[in-house]
Structures are given as structure tokens and as C-alpha cells.
Amino acid sequence: MAEIDRVAVESGAIPERALIENAGRALARHVHERFPAGRVAVLAGSGHNGADALVAGRTLSAWGRSVGFVQCGSRAPDPDVLAGWELTLEPSEALDRELAAADIVIDGILGTGLTSAPRPPQARMIGRVNAARVAVVSADGPSGVNFTTGRVPGAAIRADLTVTFGWPKMGLLKFPARERIGDLVSVEIGFPPPAAPPSARAVTAAWVAGLLGARPADGHKGDAGYLAIVGGERGMAGAVVLAARAAIRAGAGIVRVVSAPENREVVQTSVPEAVFVDWSTSEAVRSALSWAGAVAVGPGLGTGPERTALMQRVLEVGSVPLVIDADALNVLSAKAAEGGAPFGPPAPRRSVLLTPHPGEMARLLGTSVGEVRGDAPAAARRLADATQATVLLKGAPTWVARPGGELRATTLVSPAFASGGMGDVLTGVCGACLASGLGPADAASAALTLTALAILRGVDEIGGSAADVPDALPEARRALGRLRSGAWPGVNLALPALPGAATGNQVG
């Protein structure tokens, strides 16, 4: 964004002053919509974010709102942004008085250039804001967070709403910054289109709704897609049951479950809509794999020589897209390690979606979990290029990488994801989306959004069970079309706050 800003101004496409004006007025509109009553305190640092905040405060004042202004940097922002209005910028010593009188704070203390902990004066201001009983709206990003890495090196604002300008900054979607931003809204302020393609895209519910579309009234189960799910070692029927239930509730037309013969009764009792296939019968397995429009392999699969042979059969039979998860990934990484070669393309002539968690990703890349978590986007891209497969790297956020560098970030997160069986549910939904005809990256994006919405709407954050998720999927799909991306023209992204993330009172 810094480069886009620089090029826009230096090329003459739009003056810097116009960008500041557009940003500040957009910020004011969102403040007024979210918090339509109460006094506003504007905290203006020396940089562009301070100028944006001043324009927002000036605009709110012109609309009749009660507004106070505090200088929070070593110098005041460009006075031209006041546009001739006689507004008093109080010294930093007035901060406590303004916070005591305010209902809403506009945070423009620090901006995008922060790479280390705030200096003591700004750190003290941030602490006072966080301790005050006010709602906080941050300009571009909360003061104190690194907009690029998502790290919080010192004191940082806890916002109720963040209005970011142009396009979302990747760091605002990463933890721990994600806990500080509250609701995130991205607004268009007049930048020309960037010369280089974006380094990542954010997956939103509105986009997924368009991607999935509606089913025709005369559609049949073949149109919805045929999915084979391979998994469920003896004693591990639960994993494959979760995946099958999720696939059916996500819209798969027919599901065949290829599993250990000991699991027949459990599967047919728990998922009567599914067709059971005994994986000890070679011809039945071949028939199921040849019939399917997509195959999901891994939930409860188990490891060892027999499972390795079954995995090889899955890779060799048919040409349909594959979802490879859980033990299937462990089988492949163990096989690569035995051969002393790096993990490469598992099925070169097929579309493949790999869905590792950080531990599985570390084994696949031959690195540590810490390194994977330290730069998850880079890890996802690295594995995608090495395998020529689409990679869904689980986490908060989850990253979807395609070979060649395209990256997507999910925007819905919940503590309920950290529960056993959620990965099996996600595998089933990914399989259903692949079977419906979506490509791997779109299937991963749609599945992540549907699963996250089902969790957010139907599962308790703590104590919720993966078994609760499948039945919440149909309502999650219906809800996609009802979620708005933003209230004002030009809003291209709106993300919900994490539960309990912001500490300010919700005013209005």
C-alpha cells in the first residue's frame, strides 16, 4: 500500500491532499454510522494517519457532532486539512480531559510506518485510551500494530472498529494484530489500479455467495456432485462419519464412504444417506474411485504399509480432483522421507488440494512448526510450488496458496476451530465443493467460509463439538446471501470482530 500510495501521488493520478480528504471523510462516515451519538475525541499523530483523523473530526464537526482534538505527535499534521475551520488542536497534556469527556475516540496516533514498539510518550497515550471507557475507531490500523507482519511489539490500541484505506493490509488479518482491530472495513479512496497484481486476496462471504450461486430448480443429485471419501481405520470411524455428514450437508449429491469393514455398521447407522464401500475389496474400491467426481482421502485413515498401498491406489485410479488431508498427508510425507527426496507432486496429472495443519506442513517441508507459524503465507506458497497443488494451510487465518504465488486469506476465525474433528468436517466440505465443479482454490475458499459461518452461528466457542457443525451448514449457506459487505458505497471488505477482542463500550 505504501508503494501504491507513492506511485499514485508521484504519477499525478491523484493529489496526496485528495487521498487524505477521501480517507478522512470515509472514516467520518463510518464513525457516524456505527456511533451516531456522543462526543468524539480525535487523537492526531504527526503522520498521514493523524491527518486522516483530523479530516474525519473536521467533517464530523461540520455535521454538528461535538468533537475535541488532541495533538499526539511531536508536530501537528498539515494544517491545510482543517480547510479553514477554526478548530483547536489541544496539546497532549489535554488527553486525559478529552478522554473523560468523550464517548468515541478516533485513533490516528501512529500509522503504517511502525516497525518497533511505540516510543514512551505514544505508549503512555495508548495505555490511557485502552483504559478509558470509550469506543475506539482506528484510522487505517490500530496504533502500535505492524500492518505488514501482524506483530504487536509493544503497546497497541484495542479498537472496536478499524477503517483501513485502499486495500486491507495483510498484517491486519494476522494474529496478534487481528485481536486488536475489532471490526475491519476497507474503503476505496481513489487509488488508481495497482500496476502489480495483489500479493494476496481476502475471501469474503459475499464473494463466496456469488461463487456458489443457486441450484437450478430442475437439478438432480448428479449435478450436485459425486464424492468418495476414503478413511476410517478400524476404531477411527468417527473421523470419516464427520467428513461424510459434512459433505452431505454442504450439498454433495451422493457420498460413498470407503472404509475399514469393521466400520460398516457405524457408518451406515450414523450416515444412512451414504453408500458404504469395504476397502478390503479391491474391485469395490476401484469402482468407487472411478465413479466419483472428486475424492477426499485422509480422515482417520491410519498409517502403515497397508494404508500406504491404499493411498497409492487412490492416487493412481481415476483423474478427478483430490482432497488430501490428515493421515493421507502423513503417509505421503513418510514415503518421501524414506526415499530421501523432498515432497513433490502427489498426482501430477490431477487437480489436488492439500489441507495440512502446521505440524503436518512442517513434516512435508522438512522444517519446524515454529518456522511454519512464523511465516505461514510463505510456507503455504512454498509447498504449493513444490507439489504443484493448491495448499490450504490451517490456522488463524487460514491461507490458501496456488502454484505460482496466488494467495488467499480467510477472514472468519473462531476459537471453536480448536476442537477435535473440525478438520474432518472441513475435508468433507472441501470434497463437496470440489465435486460440485469448483477448482481447488475456489473449493477451499468456499469450504472454509461455509465451515466458519456454520461454526460461528451454530457452535459454542468453548465446549462446542465438531459433530454440531454439519447440521449448521445449510443455514450457513443461506446466510451467505444475507451478509452485506459494508454499509456505504466503496466498501469492499467488512470482517466481524473477534468475540471479546475489543474492550471499549459499544456506543450507539
Protein backbone atom coordinates (compact mmCIF):
# COMPACT_ATOMS: atom_id res chain seq x y z
CA MET A 1 0.00 0.00 0.00
CA ALA A 2 2.88 2.37 0.66
CA GLU A 3 4.11 1.80 -2.88
CA ILE A 4 0.62 2.21 -4.34
CA ASP A 5 0.28 5.48 -2.42
CA ARG A 6 3.67 6.73 -3.64
CA VAL A 7 3.04 5.88 -7.29
CA ALA A 8 -0.45 7.39 -7.21
CA VAL A 9 0.87 10.73 -5.96
CA GLU A 10 4.10 10.91 -7.99
CA SER A 11 2.34 9.95 -11.22
CA GLY A 12 -0.16 12.74 -10.77
CA ALA A 13 -3.09 10.32 -10.82
CA ILE A 14 -4.45 11.84 -7.61
CA PRO A 15 -3.01 14.50 -5.28
CA GLU A 16 -1.95 13.46 -1.80
CA ARG A 17 -4.27 16.03 -0.30
CA ALA A 18 -7.22 14.43 -2.13
CA LEU A 19 -6.31 10.99 -0.78
CA ILE A 20 -6.22 12.38 2.77
CA GLU A 21 -9.56 14.12 2.24
CA ASN A 22 -11.19 10.98 0.84
CA ALA A 23 -9.80 8.83 3.66
CA GLY A 24 -10.88 11.22 6.39
CA ARG A 25 -14.38 11.66 5.05
CA ALA A 26 -14.82 7.89 4.65
CA LEU A 27 -13.61 7.47 8.22
CA ALA A 28 -16.11 10.08 9.42
CA ARG A 29 -18.99 8.33 7.67
CA HIS A 30 -18.20 5.02 9.31
CA VAL A 31 -17.80 6.63 12.73
CA HIS A 32 -21.15 8.38 12.34
CA GLU A 33 -22.91 5.25 11.10
CA ARG A 34 -21.55 2.99 13.85
CA PHE A 35 -21.72 5.57 16.67
CA PRO A 36 -24.36 8.17 15.69
CA ALA A 37 -24.39 9.94 19.07
CA GLY A 38 -21.84 11.08 21.62
CA ARG A 39 -18.77 13.29 21.79
CA VAL A 40 -15.78 12.36 19.66
CA ALA A 41 -12.11 12.80 20.62
CA VAL A 42 -9.65 12.89 17.71
CA LEU A 43 -6.10 11.78 18.57
CA ALA A 44 -3.86 13.04 15.79
CA GLY A 45 -0.26 11.99 15.40
CA SER A 46 2.26 13.66 13.11
CA GLY A 47 1.82 11.41 10.06
CA HIS A 48 -0.78 10.73 7.42
CA ASN A 49 -3.00 8.82 9.84
CA GLY A 50 -3.10 11.88 12.05
CA ALA A 51 -4.14 13.98 9.04
CA ASP A 52 -6.82 11.44 8.13
CA ALA A 53 -8.14 11.58 11.69
CA LEU A 54 -8.21 15.40 11.61
CA VAL A 55 -10.24 15.40 8.40
CA ALA A 56 -12.64 12.91 9.98
CA GLY A 57 -13.03 15.08 13.07
CA ARG A 58 -13.44 18.25 11.00
CA THR A 59 -16.13 16.52 8.92
CA LEU A 60 -17.99 15.26 11.99
CA SER A 61 -17.82 18.75 13.49
CA ALA A 62 -19.30 20.19 10.29
CA TRP A 63 -22.13 17.67 10.59
CA GLY A 64 -22.90 19.00 14.05
CA ARG A 65 -21.09 16.46 16.21
CA SER A 66 -19.25 17.55 19.35
CA VAL A 67 -15.56 16.93 18.65
CA GLY A 68 -12.32 17.54 20.54
CA PHE A 69 -8.81 17.34 19.07
CA VAL A 70 -5.54 16.30 20.75
CA GLN A 71 -2.07 16.51 19.21
CA CYS A 72 -0.33 13.18 19.87
CA GLY A 73 2.88 13.63 17.88
CA SER A 74 5.91 15.88 18.05
CA ARG A 75 4.28 18.15 15.50
CA ALA A 76 0.77 18.80 14.22
CA PRO A 77 -0.36 17.32 10.90
CA ASP A 78 -0.60 19.62 7.88
CA PRO A 79 -2.96 22.47 8.98
CA ASP A 80 -4.39 22.61 5.44
CA VAL A 81 -6.51 19.57 6.26
CA LEU A 82 -8.64 21.76 8.52
CA ALA A 83 -9.80 23.58 5.36
CA GLY A 84 -10.06 26.89 7.16
CA TRP A 85 -12.20 25.66 10.02
CA GLU A 86 -11.30 27.21 13.38
CA LEU A 87 -10.68 24.02 15.34
CA THR A 88 -8.39 23.88 18.34
CA LEU A 89 -5.74 21.16 18.47
CA GLU A 90 -5.07 20.69 22.17
CA PRO A 91 -1.61 19.64 23.46
CA SER A 92 -1.04 16.06 24.60
CA GLU A 93 -1.46 17.14 28.22
CA ALA A 94 -5.19 17.51 27.49
CA LEU A 95 -5.56 13.82 26.62
CA ASP A 96 -7.00 12.69 29.96
CA ARG A 97 -9.53 15.53 29.98
CA GLU A 98 -10.66 14.74 26.43
CA LEU A 99 -10.93 11.02 27.14
CA ALA A 100 -13.07 11.72 30.21
CA ALA A 101 -15.46 13.81 28.12
CA ALA A 102 -15.56 11.53 25.05
CA ASP A 103 -17.80 8.64 24.08
CA ILE A 104 -15.85 7.75 20.92
CA VAL A 105 -12.15 8.08 20.12
CA ILE A 106 -10.67 8.29 16.62
CA ASP A 107 -7.19 6.78 16.82
CA GLY A 108 -4.72 8.46 14.48
CA ILE A 109 -1.73 8.34 16.82
CA LEU A 110 0.57 6.13 14.74
CA GLY A 111 0.46 4.76 11.20
CA THR A 112 1.76 2.24 8.71
CA GLY A 113 5.43 3.03 9.22
CA LEU A 114 5.67 1.44 12.68
CA THR A 115 8.17 -1.44 12.82
CA SER A 116 9.11 -1.37 16.51
CA ALA A 117 7.45 -0.66 19.83
CA PRO A 118 5.93 2.84 20.17
CA ARG A 119 8.07 5.43 21.91
CA PRO A 120 7.23 6.05 25.58
CA PRO A 121 5.03 9.15 25.02
CA GLN A 122 2.83 7.36 22.47
CA ALA A 123 2.87 4.14 24.52
CA ARG A 124 1.50 6.05 27.51
CA MET A 125 -1.24 7.59 25.35
CA ILE A 126 -2.19 4.17 24.00
CA GLY A 127 -2.41 2.81 27.55
CA ARG A 128 -4.73 5.64 28.60
CA VAL A 129 -7.01 5.08 25.61
CA ASN A 130 -7.25 1.36 26.33
CA ALA A 131 -8.08 2.07 29.96
CA ALA A 132 -10.79 4.61 29.10
CA ARG A 133 -14.46 3.65 28.85
CA VAL A 134 -14.82 4.73 25.25
CA ALA A 135 -15.42 3.13 21.86
CA VAL A 136 -12.35 3.32 19.64
CA VAL A 137 -12.18 3.67 15.84
CA SER A 138 -8.71 3.34 14.32
CA ALA A 139 -7.66 5.12 11.14
CA ASP A 140 -6.08 2.59 8.73
CA GLY A 141 -4.96 0.31 11.59
CA PRO A 142 -4.66 0.36 15.39
CA SER A 143 -1.71 2.40 16.60
CA GLY A 144 1.07 0.10 17.77
CA VAL A 145 0.49 -2.88 15.44
CA ASN A 146 2.70 -3.74 12.48
CA PHE A 147 0.44 -3.54 9.43
CA THR A 148 2.65 -5.91 7.42
CA THR A 149 3.59 -8.68 9.85
CA GLY A 150 0.68 -8.51 12.28
CA ARG A 151 3.07 -8.37 15.21
CA VAL A 152 2.45 -6.19 18.27
CA PRO A 153 5.91 -5.20 19.52
CA GLY A 154 4.69 -3.04 22.41
CA ALA A 155 1.65 -1.05 23.46
CA ALA A 156 -1.19 -1.18 20.92
CA ILE A 157 -4.68 0.22 20.66
CA ARG A 158 -7.62 -2.16 21.09
CA ALA A 159 -10.15 -0.89 18.57
CA ASP A 160 -13.84 -1.59 18.19
CA LEU A 161 -13.70 -0.65 14.50
CA THR A 162 -10.81 -0.21 12.09
CA VAL A 163 -11.34 1.66 8.82
CA THR A 164 -8.45 0.84 6.52
CA PHE A 165 -7.78 2.69 3.28
CA GLY A 166 -7.37 1.30 -0.21
CA TRP A 167 -6.93 -2.43 0.34
CA PRO A 168 -6.60 -4.48 3.54
CA LYS A 169 -3.07 -4.78 4.86
CA MET A 170 -2.04 -8.39 5.32
CA GLY A 171 -0.84 -7.80 8.87
CA LEU A 172 -4.32 -6.77 9.97
CA LEU A 173 -5.57 -10.28 9.17
CA LYS A 174 -2.79 -11.95 11.17
CA PHE A 175 -2.53 -12.58 14.88
CA PRO A 176 -1.94 -10.96 17.29
CA ALA A 177 -2.94 -7.80 15.38
CA ARG A 178 -6.26 -9.43 14.45
CA GLU A 179 -7.28 -9.30 18.12
CA ARG A 180 -6.73 -5.53 18.17
CA ILE A 181 -8.68 -4.35 15.10
CA GLY A 182 -12.29 -5.02 16.13
CA ASP A 183 -14.45 -4.92 13.00
CA LEU A 184 -12.40 -4.27 9.88
CA VAL A 185 -13.77 -2.22 6.99
CA SER A 186 -11.74 -1.43 3.89
CA VAL A 187 -12.73 1.65 1.90
CA GLU A 188 -11.81 2.80 -1.59
CA ILE A 189 -10.37 6.34 -1.53
CA GLY A 190 -9.38 6.98 -5.14
CA PHE A 191 -6.22 5.00 -5.77
CA PRO A 192 -5.62 4.08 -9.41
CA PRO A 193 -5.36 0.33 -10.12
CA PRO A 194 -2.01 -1.03 -8.95
CA ALA A 195 0.50 -1.91 -11.64
CA ALA A 196 1.45 -5.17 -9.92
CA PRO A 197 -1.18 -7.79 -9.04
CA PRO A 198 -2.11 -8.03 -5.36
CA SER A 199 0.10 -10.25 -3.24
CA ALA A 200 -2.97 -11.80 -1.60
CA ARG A 201 -6.76 -11.71 -1.69
CA ALA A 202 -9.17 -11.77 1.22
CA VAL A 203 -12.00 -14.29 0.99
CA THR A 204 -15.32 -12.69 1.94
CA ALA A 205 -18.76 -14.18 2.44
CA ALA A 206 -20.29 -12.05 -0.31
CA TRP A 207 -17.76 -13.32 -2.85
CA VAL A 208 -18.34 -16.93 -1.83
CA ALA A 209 -22.12 -16.45 -2.20
CA GLY A 210 -21.56 -15.45 -5.83
CA LEU A 211 -19.13 -18.31 -6.33
CA LEU A 212 -21.59 -20.96 -5.13
CA GLY A 213 -24.65 -19.44 -6.78
CA ALA A 214 -28.06 -21.09 -6.71
CA ARG A 215 -29.05 -24.54 -7.88
CA PRO A 216 -31.45 -24.87 -10.81
CA ALA A 217 -34.99 -25.95 -9.96
CA ASP A 218 -34.65 -28.99 -12.23
CA GLY A 219 -31.25 -30.07 -10.88
CA HIS A 220 -30.61 -33.63 -9.72
CA LYS A 221 -28.12 -35.38 -7.49
CA GLY A 222 -25.67 -35.88 -10.34
CA ASP A 223 -25.48 -32.12 -10.82
CA ALA A 224 -24.67 -31.71 -7.13
CA GLY A 225 -21.65 -33.97 -7.47
CA TYR A 226 -20.47 -37.45 -6.52
CA LEU A 227 -17.89 -37.67 -3.76
CA ALA A 228 -15.86 -40.63 -2.49
CA ILE A 229 -14.36 -40.27 1.00
CA VAL A 230 -11.54 -42.64 1.87
CA GLY A 231 -10.71 -43.01 5.56
CA GLY A 232 -11.68 -44.54 8.85
CA GLU A 233 -9.22 -47.16 10.06
CA ARG A 234 -10.67 -49.70 12.48
CA GLY A 235 -11.61 -47.74 15.59
CA MET A 236 -11.46 -44.41 13.71
CA ALA A 237 -14.94 -44.40 12.20
CA GLY A 238 -15.79 -41.04 13.81
CA ALA A 239 -13.47 -39.09 11.51
CA VAL A 240 -14.97 -40.43 8.31
CA VAL A 241 -18.51 -40.08 9.69
CA LEU A 242 -17.90 -36.39 10.37
CA ALA A 243 -16.48 -35.88 6.88
CA ALA A 244 -19.39 -37.69 5.23
CA ARG A 245 -22.07 -35.85 7.21
CA ALA A 246 -20.41 -32.52 6.42
CA ALA A 247 -20.17 -33.33 2.70
CA ILE A 248 -23.86 -34.23 2.51
CA ARG A 249 -24.98 -31.16 4.47
CA ALA A 250 -22.72 -28.99 2.30
CA GLY A 251 -24.62 -30.19 -0.77
CA ALA A 252 -22.90 -33.25 -2.22
CA GLY A 253 -25.34 -35.30 -4.32
CA ILE A 254 -24.10 -38.78 -3.36
CA VAL A 255 -21.33 -39.76 -0.97
CA ARG A 256 -19.56 -43.11 -0.91
CA VAL A 257 -17.51 -43.89 2.18
CA VAL A 258 -14.54 -46.18 1.52
CA SER A 259 -13.54 -47.51 4.92
CA ALA A 260 -12.48 -50.48 7.04
CA PRO A 261 -15.07 -53.31 7.05
CA GLU A 262 -15.38 -53.04 10.84
CA ASN A 263 -16.87 -49.56 10.36
CA ARG A 264 -19.81 -50.61 8.19
CA GLU A 265 -22.44 -50.58 10.92
CA VAL A 266 -21.22 -47.32 12.45
CA VAL A 267 -21.12 -45.51 9.12
CA GLN A 268 -24.46 -46.81 7.85
CA THR A 269 -26.14 -46.02 11.16
CA SER A 270 -24.60 -42.54 11.50
CA VAL A 271 -24.83 -41.53 7.84
CA PRO A 272 -27.61 -43.60 6.25
CA GLU A 273 -27.57 -41.41 3.12
CA ALA A 274 -24.02 -42.54 2.31
CA VAL A 275 -23.06 -45.72 0.47
CA PHE A 276 -20.53 -47.88 2.34
CA VAL A 277 -17.60 -49.43 0.45
CA ASP A 278 -15.35 -52.04 2.08
CA TRP A 279 -11.77 -51.00 1.39
CA SER A 280 -10.54 -54.59 1.70
CA THR A 281 -12.31 -55.37 -1.59
CA SER A 282 -10.08 -54.10 -4.40
CA GLU A 283 -12.71 -54.07 -7.12
CA ALA A 284 -15.21 -52.20 -4.95
CA VAL A 285 -12.57 -49.59 -4.15
CA ARG A 286 -11.67 -49.19 -7.82
CA SER A 287 -15.34 -48.85 -8.73
CA ALA A 288 -15.92 -46.15 -6.10
CA LEU A 289 -12.85 -44.19 -7.16
CA SER A 290 -13.78 -44.43 -10.85
CA TRP A 291 -17.37 -43.37 -10.16
CA ALA A 292 -16.53 -40.29 -8.11
CA GLY A 293 -16.42 -36.72 -9.36
CA ALA A 294 -13.98 -35.92 -6.55
CA VAL A 295 -12.16 -37.90 -3.87
CA ALA A 296 -11.33 -36.85 -0.29
CA VAL A 297 -8.78 -39.04 1.46
CA GLY A 298 -7.31 -38.92 4.94
CA PRO A 299 -9.80 -38.62 7.84
CA GLY A 300 -8.93 -41.41 10.27
CA LEU A 301 -7.06 -43.24 7.51
CA GLY A 302 -4.25 -44.56 9.69
CA THR A 303 -0.69 -45.25 8.59
CA GLY A 304 1.49 -48.24 7.85
CA PRO A 305 2.16 -50.39 4.76
CA GLU A 306 -1.49 -51.26 4.05
CA ARG A 307 -2.60 -47.65 4.21
CA THR A 308 0.35 -46.63 2.04
CA ALA A 309 -0.80 -49.16 -0.58
CA LEU A 310 -4.37 -47.84 -0.37
CA MET A 311 -3.14 -44.28 -0.73
CA GLN A 312 -1.19 -45.27 -3.83
CA ARG A 313 -4.36 -46.79 -5.29
CA VAL A 314 -6.25 -43.54 -4.64
CA LEU A 315 -3.57 -41.59 -6.49
CA GLU A 316 -3.49 -43.95 -9.46
CA VAL A 317 -7.19 -44.67 -10.10
CA GLY A 318 -9.18 -42.03 -11.93
CA SER A 319 -8.41 -38.47 -12.92
CA VAL A 320 -10.80 -36.47 -10.74
CA PRO A 321 -9.75 -33.80 -8.21
CA LEU A 322 -8.39 -34.91 -4.84
CA VAL A 323 -8.51 -33.54 -1.30
CA ILE A 324 -5.60 -34.96 0.69
CA ASP A 325 -5.79 -34.46 4.46
CA ALA A 326 -4.68 -35.78 7.85
CA ASP A 327 -3.16 -39.27 7.78
CA ALA A 328 -3.02 -39.23 3.99
CA LEU A 329 -0.54 -36.36 4.27
CA ASN A 330 1.42 -38.27 6.89
CA VAL A 331 1.58 -41.32 4.63
CA LEU A 332 2.91 -39.23 1.76
CA SER A 333 5.46 -37.34 3.89
CA ALA A 334 6.72 -40.63 5.41
CA LYS A 335 7.07 -42.15 1.95
CA ALA A 336 9.04 -39.13 0.74
CA ALA A 337 11.28 -39.26 3.82
CA GLU A 338 12.01 -42.94 3.26
CA GLY A 339 13.10 -42.18 -0.27
CA GLY A 340 15.30 -39.29 0.89
CA ALA A 341 13.61 -36.93 -1.57
CA PRO A 342 11.67 -33.71 -0.91
CA PHE A 343 7.90 -33.99 -1.04
CA GLY A 344 6.84 -33.44 -4.65
CA PRO A 345 3.65 -33.55 -6.74
CA PRO A 346 1.45 -36.35 -5.33
CA ALA A 347 -0.64 -36.74 -8.50
CA PRO A 348 0.92 -34.75 -11.36
CA ARG A 349 -1.97 -35.15 -13.79
CA ARG A 350 -4.77 -34.28 -11.35
CA SER A 351 -6.08 -31.25 -9.51
CA VAL A 352 -5.03 -31.63 -5.88
CA LEU A 353 -5.92 -29.77 -2.69
CA LEU A 354 -3.63 -30.38 0.31
CA THR A 355 -5.03 -29.38 3.71
CA PRO A 356 -2.26 -29.58 6.34
CA HIS A 357 -2.19 -28.09 9.81
CA PRO A 358 1.15 -26.52 10.88
CA GLY A 359 2.54 -29.80 12.23
CA GLU A 360 1.78 -31.67 9.03
CA MET A 361 3.11 -28.75 7.00
CA ALA A 362 6.40 -28.85 8.94
CA ARG A 363 6.81 -32.55 8.14
CA LEU A 364 6.01 -32.00 4.47
CA LEU A 365 8.54 -29.18 4.16
CA GLY A 366 11.16 -30.74 6.44
CA THR A 367 11.15 -27.74 8.75
CA SER A 368 9.87 -26.79 12.22
CA VAL A 369 6.38 -25.86 13.33
CA GLY A 370 7.82 -22.56 14.61
CA GLU A 371 9.12 -21.67 11.17
CA VAL A 372 5.78 -22.51 9.57
CA ARG A 373 3.89 -20.34 12.04
CA GLY A 374 6.49 -17.58 11.78
CA ASP A 375 5.61 -17.01 8.11
CA ALA A 376 2.57 -19.09 7.23
CA PRO A 377 1.93 -17.41 3.83
CA ALA A 378 5.48 -18.19 2.71
CA ALA A 379 5.17 -21.80 3.89
CA ALA A 380 1.90 -22.26 2.01
CA ARG A 381 3.39 -20.83 -1.18
CA ARG A 382 6.50 -22.94 -0.84
CA LEU A 383 4.53 -26.20 -0.57
CA ALA A 384 2.19 -25.19 -3.41
CA ASP A 385 5.16 -24.62 -5.72
CA ALA A 386 6.91 -27.83 -4.63
CA THR A 387 3.83 -30.01 -5.14
CA GLN A 388 2.09 -28.11 -7.94
CA ALA A 389 -1.02 -28.45 -5.81
CA THR A 390 -3.28 -25.96 -4.07
CA VAL A 391 -2.46 -25.75 -0.36
CA LEU A 392 -4.88 -24.92 2.44
CA LEU A 393 -2.72 -24.22 5.50
CA LYS A 394 -4.95 -24.31 8.56
CA GLY A 395 -4.62 -21.59 11.15
CA ALA A 396 -5.94 -18.19 12.10
CA PRO A 397 -6.19 -17.00 9.46
CA THR A 398 -6.11 -19.98 7.13
CA TRP A 399 -4.11 -19.42 3.94
CA VAL A 400 -4.89 -20.86 0.52
CA ALA A 401 -1.96 -20.86 -1.92
CA ARG A 402 -1.90 -21.88 -5.57
CA PRO A 403 1.23 -22.81 -7.52
CA GLY A 404 2.80 -19.67 -8.90
CA GLY A 405 2.19 -17.49 -5.86
CA GLU A 406 -1.52 -16.62 -5.73
CA LEU A 407 -2.52 -16.38 -2.07
CA ARG A 408 -5.87 -16.04 -0.34
CA ALA A 409 -6.60 -15.32 3.31
CA THR A 410 -9.73 -16.34 5.15
CA THR A 411 -11.47 -13.63 7.12
CA LEU A 412 -13.64 -15.57 9.58
CA VAL A 413 -11.99 -17.10 12.64
CA SER A 414 -13.28 -18.61 15.88
CA PRO A 415 -11.78 -20.33 18.93
CA ALA A 416 -14.23 -23.18 18.24
CA PHE A 417 -11.99 -24.28 15.36
CA ALA A 418 -9.58 -25.58 18.01
CA SER A 419 -11.58 -28.73 18.63
CA GLY A 420 -11.05 -32.33 17.58
CA GLY A 421 -12.82 -33.33 14.37
CA MET A 422 -13.11 -29.84 12.86
CA GLY A 423 -10.50 -30.78 10.24
CA ASP A 424 -12.55 -33.84 9.24
CA VAL A 425 -15.61 -31.64 8.78
CA LEU A 426 -13.62 -29.23 6.64
CA THR A 427 -12.33 -32.10 4.49
CA GLY A 428 -15.88 -33.21 3.78
CA VAL A 429 -16.97 -29.70 2.81
CA CYS A 430 -13.89 -29.26 0.59
CA GLY A 431 -14.74 -32.54 -1.11
CA ALA A 432 -18.35 -31.50 -1.68
CA CYS A 433 -17.24 -28.19 -3.22
CA LEU A 434 -14.73 -29.95 -5.48
CA ALA A 435 -17.38 -32.49 -6.55
CA SER A 436 -19.72 -29.62 -7.48
CA GLY A 437 -17.22 -28.48 -10.10
CA LEU A 438 -15.22 -25.78 -8.32
CA GLY A 439 -11.46 -25.68 -8.81
CA PRO A 440 -9.24 -26.45 -5.81
CA ALA A 441 -8.61 -22.84 -4.72
CA ASP A 442 -12.28 -21.85 -5.06
CA ALA A 443 -13.39 -25.07 -3.37
CA ALA A 444 -11.02 -24.40 -0.47
CA SER A 445 -12.19 -20.79 -0.17
CA ALA A 446 -15.88 -21.72 -0.26
CA ALA A 447 -15.44 -24.61 2.17
CA LEU A 448 -13.54 -22.50 4.67
CA THR A 449 -16.19 -19.78 4.59
CA LEU A 450 -19.13 -22.18 4.87
CA THR A 451 -17.50 -24.10 7.71
CA ALA A 452 -16.52 -20.92 9.56
CA LEU A 453 -20.02 -19.47 9.26
CA ALA A 454 -21.54 -22.72 10.48
CA ILE A 455 -19.19 -22.68 13.47
CA LEU A 456 -19.79 -19.01 14.25
CA ARG A 457 -23.56 -19.36 14.02
CA GLY A 458 -24.10 -22.81 15.49
CA VAL A 459 -21.23 -23.87 17.76
CA ASP A 460 -20.21 -22.63 21.20
CA GLU A 461 -16.70 -21.17 21.26
CA ILE A 462 -15.66 -23.37 24.18
CA GLY A 463 -17.20 -26.80 24.56
CA GLY A 464 -18.64 -26.87 21.05
CA SER A 465 -18.28 -30.13 19.14
CA ALA A 466 -17.36 -30.82 15.54
CA ALA A 467 -20.48 -33.01 15.46
CA ASP A 468 -22.56 -29.81 15.76
CA VAL A 469 -21.16 -28.30 12.57
CA PRO A 470 -22.66 -30.39 9.72
CA ASP A 471 -26.25 -29.60 10.66
CA ALA A 472 -25.40 -25.89 10.76
CA LEU A 473 -24.04 -25.88 7.19
CA PRO A 474 -27.35 -25.41 5.29
CA GLU A 475 -28.22 -22.32 7.30
CA ALA A 476 -24.67 -21.03 6.82
CA ARG A 477 -25.11 -21.33 3.06
CA ARG A 478 -28.42 -19.48 3.21
CA ALA A 479 -26.80 -16.79 5.35
CA LEU A 480 -24.11 -16.10 2.75
CA GLY A 481 -26.56 -14.15 0.61
CA ARG A 482 -27.74 -12.06 3.55
CA LEU A 483 -24.34 -10.84 4.71
CA ARG A 484 -23.53 -7.38 3.46
CA SER A 485 -20.00 -6.33 2.63
CA GLY A 486 -20.47 -2.84 4.03
CA ALA A 487 -22.97 -0.07 4.54
CA TRP A 488 -21.51 2.62 2.30
CA PRO A 489 -20.59 2.71 -1.38
CA GLY A 490 -16.94 1.86 -1.91
CA VAL A 491 -16.70 -0.57 0.99
CA ASN A 492 -15.09 -3.71 -0.37
CA LEU A 493 -14.48 -5.66 2.82
CA ALA A 494 -16.15 -5.97 6.19
CA LEU A 495 -15.00 -8.51 8.76
CA PRO A 496 -16.61 -9.21 12.14
CA ALA A 497 -14.70 -8.52 15.31
CA LEU A 498 -13.39 -11.46 17.27
CA PRO A 499 -15.66 -12.16 20.25
CA GLY A 500 -14.44 -10.22 23.23
CA ALA A 501 -11.48 -8.72 21.32
CA ALA A 502 -12.33 -5.04 21.86
CA THR A 503 -12.60 -3.54 25.34
CA GLY A 504 -14.32 -0.21 24.65
CA ASN A 505 -18.03 0.26 25.31
CA GLN A 506 -20.21 -0.14 22.26
CA VAL A 507 -21.87 3.24 21.87
CA GLY A 508 -24.91 3.66 19.62
